[in-house]
């Protein structure tokens, strides 16, 4: 099983939000901080594919876990607070009108 890998500034999808990344022979240098670019510490690190996770982990290297559920498992809780719908505005007015019509 493949381990998740840390994002590196040498990746083609890596982008610096301040455009401060300077590519050198020995690595990527941050002009803003005058040191080597570290994705974990940088607040301006971005991914053009939107795969950058917290702690600087590349989302393309993470294996997804899926769980199959039966339709009955979705509605196991009979607690009315969990199953209640909260409506506002136009939807609430339409629903209250239909309830009033049923009383007649």
Protein backbone atom coordinates (compact mmCIF):
# COMPACT_ATOMS: atom_id res chain seq x y z
CA UNK A 1 0.00 0.00 0.00
CA UNK A 2 1.37 3.42 -0.91
CA UNK A 3 2.01 5.93 1.83
CA UNK A 4 0.84 9.51 1.58
CA UNK A 5 3.63 11.83 0.50
CA UNK A 6 4.40 15.39 1.47
CA UNK A 7 3.94 18.06 -1.17
CA UNK A 8 7.15 19.47 -2.54
CA UNK A 9 7.73 22.87 -4.13
CA UNK A 10 9.32 21.17 -7.14
CA UNK A 11 5.92 19.70 -8.12
CA UNK A 12 4.44 21.06 -11.35
CA UNK A 13 1.11 21.76 -9.59
CA UNK A 14 2.68 23.75 -6.73
CA UNK A 15 2.01 27.50 -6.72
CA UNK A 16 3.14 30.25 -4.37
CA UNK A 17 0.37 32.71 -3.48
CA UNK A 18 2.83 35.60 -3.27
CA UNK A 19 4.81 34.58 -6.36
CA UNK A 20 7.88 34.42 -4.13
CA UNK A 21 9.10 30.97 -5.20
CA UNK A 22 12.47 31.15 -6.93
CA UNK A 23 13.64 27.98 -8.65
CA UNK A 24 17.37 27.30 -8.26
CA UNK A 25 19.57 24.34 -9.09
CA UNK A 26 19.67 23.08 -5.50
CA UNK A 27 15.96 23.61 -4.70
CA UNK A 28 13.19 26.16 -4.44
CA UNK A 29 14.02 29.37 -2.61
CA UNK A 30 11.43 31.68 -1.03
CA UNK A 31 12.22 35.33 -1.75
CA UNK A 32 9.76 36.45 0.93
CA UNK A 33 11.37 34.53 3.79
CA UNK A 34 14.95 34.33 2.41
CA UNK A 35 15.13 30.57 3.00
CA UNK A 36 14.27 27.30 1.28
CA UNK A 37 10.56 26.89 0.60
CA UNK A 38 8.82 24.57 3.05
CA UNK A 39 5.22 23.76 2.17
CA UNK A 40 4.22 22.86 5.73
CA UNK A 41 5.21 26.24 7.22
CA UNK A 42 4.16 28.47 4.31
CA UNK A 43 0.71 30.06 4.42
CA UNK A 44 0.84 30.96 0.72
CA UNK A 45 1.46 27.41 -0.59
CA UNK A 46 -1.23 26.33 -3.06
CA UNK A 47 -1.90 23.50 -5.48
CA UNK A 48 -3.26 24.27 -8.95
CA UNK A 49 -5.19 20.97 -8.84
CA UNK A 50 -6.57 21.83 -5.36
CA UNK A 51 -5.09 18.69 -3.84
CA UNK A 52 -2.99 20.24 -1.04
CA UNK A 53 -4.19 18.93 2.33
CA UNK A 54 -3.35 20.11 5.83
CA UNK A 55 0.19 19.50 7.11
CA UNK A 56 1.46 19.80 3.52
CA UNK A 57 0.27 16.38 2.34
CA UNK A 58 -0.36 15.86 -1.36
CA UNK A 59 -3.96 14.74 -1.88
CA UNK A 60 -3.13 12.77 -5.02
CA UNK A 61 -1.05 10.29 -3.01
CA UNK A 62 -3.76 9.58 -0.40
CA UNK A 63 -5.80 6.43 -0.87
CA UNK A 64 -9.55 6.96 -0.39
CA UNK A 65 -11.53 4.76 1.95
CA UNK A 66 -15.08 3.99 0.88
CA UNK A 67 -17.73 2.23 2.92
CA UNK A 68 -20.76 0.65 1.31
CA UNK A 69 -24.01 1.17 3.18
CA UNK A 70 -27.43 -0.27 2.71
CA UNK A 71 -30.32 2.21 2.30
CA UNK A 72 -31.74 1.13 5.68
CA UNK A 73 -28.58 2.25 7.46
CA UNK A 74 -29.08 5.89 6.49
CA UNK A 75 -32.32 6.24 8.47
CA UNK A 76 -31.49 4.27 11.61
CA UNK A 77 -31.97 7.16 14.04
CA UNK A 78 -35.58 7.77 15.02
CA UNK A 79 -34.74 10.90 16.97
CA UNK A 80 -37.05 13.68 15.65
CA UNK A 81 -34.38 16.33 16.25
CA UNK A 82 -32.03 14.58 13.83
CA UNK A 83 -34.69 14.04 11.16
CA UNK A 84 -36.28 17.51 11.41
CA UNK A 85 -35.99 19.86 8.45
CA UNK A 86 -35.47 23.55 9.05
CA UNK A 87 -37.08 25.71 6.38
CA UNK A 88 -37.00 29.45 5.89
CA UNK A 89 -38.73 31.96 3.68
CA UNK A 90 -40.70 30.91 0.63
CA UNK A 91 -40.47 27.15 1.26
CA UNK A 92 -41.85 27.56 4.78
CA UNK A 93 -44.75 29.71 3.56
CA UNK A 94 -45.65 27.22 0.84
CA UNK A 95 -45.60 24.32 3.27
CA UNK A 96 -47.66 26.17 5.87
CA UNK A 97 -50.29 27.01 3.20
CA UNK A 98 -50.63 23.33 2.25
CA UNK A 99 -51.05 22.34 5.90
CA UNK A 100 -53.80 24.95 6.32
CA UNK A 101 -55.66 23.60 3.25
CA UNK A 102 -55.67 20.09 4.71
CA UNK A 103 -57.57 21.26 7.82
CA UNK A 104 -60.70 22.16 5.87
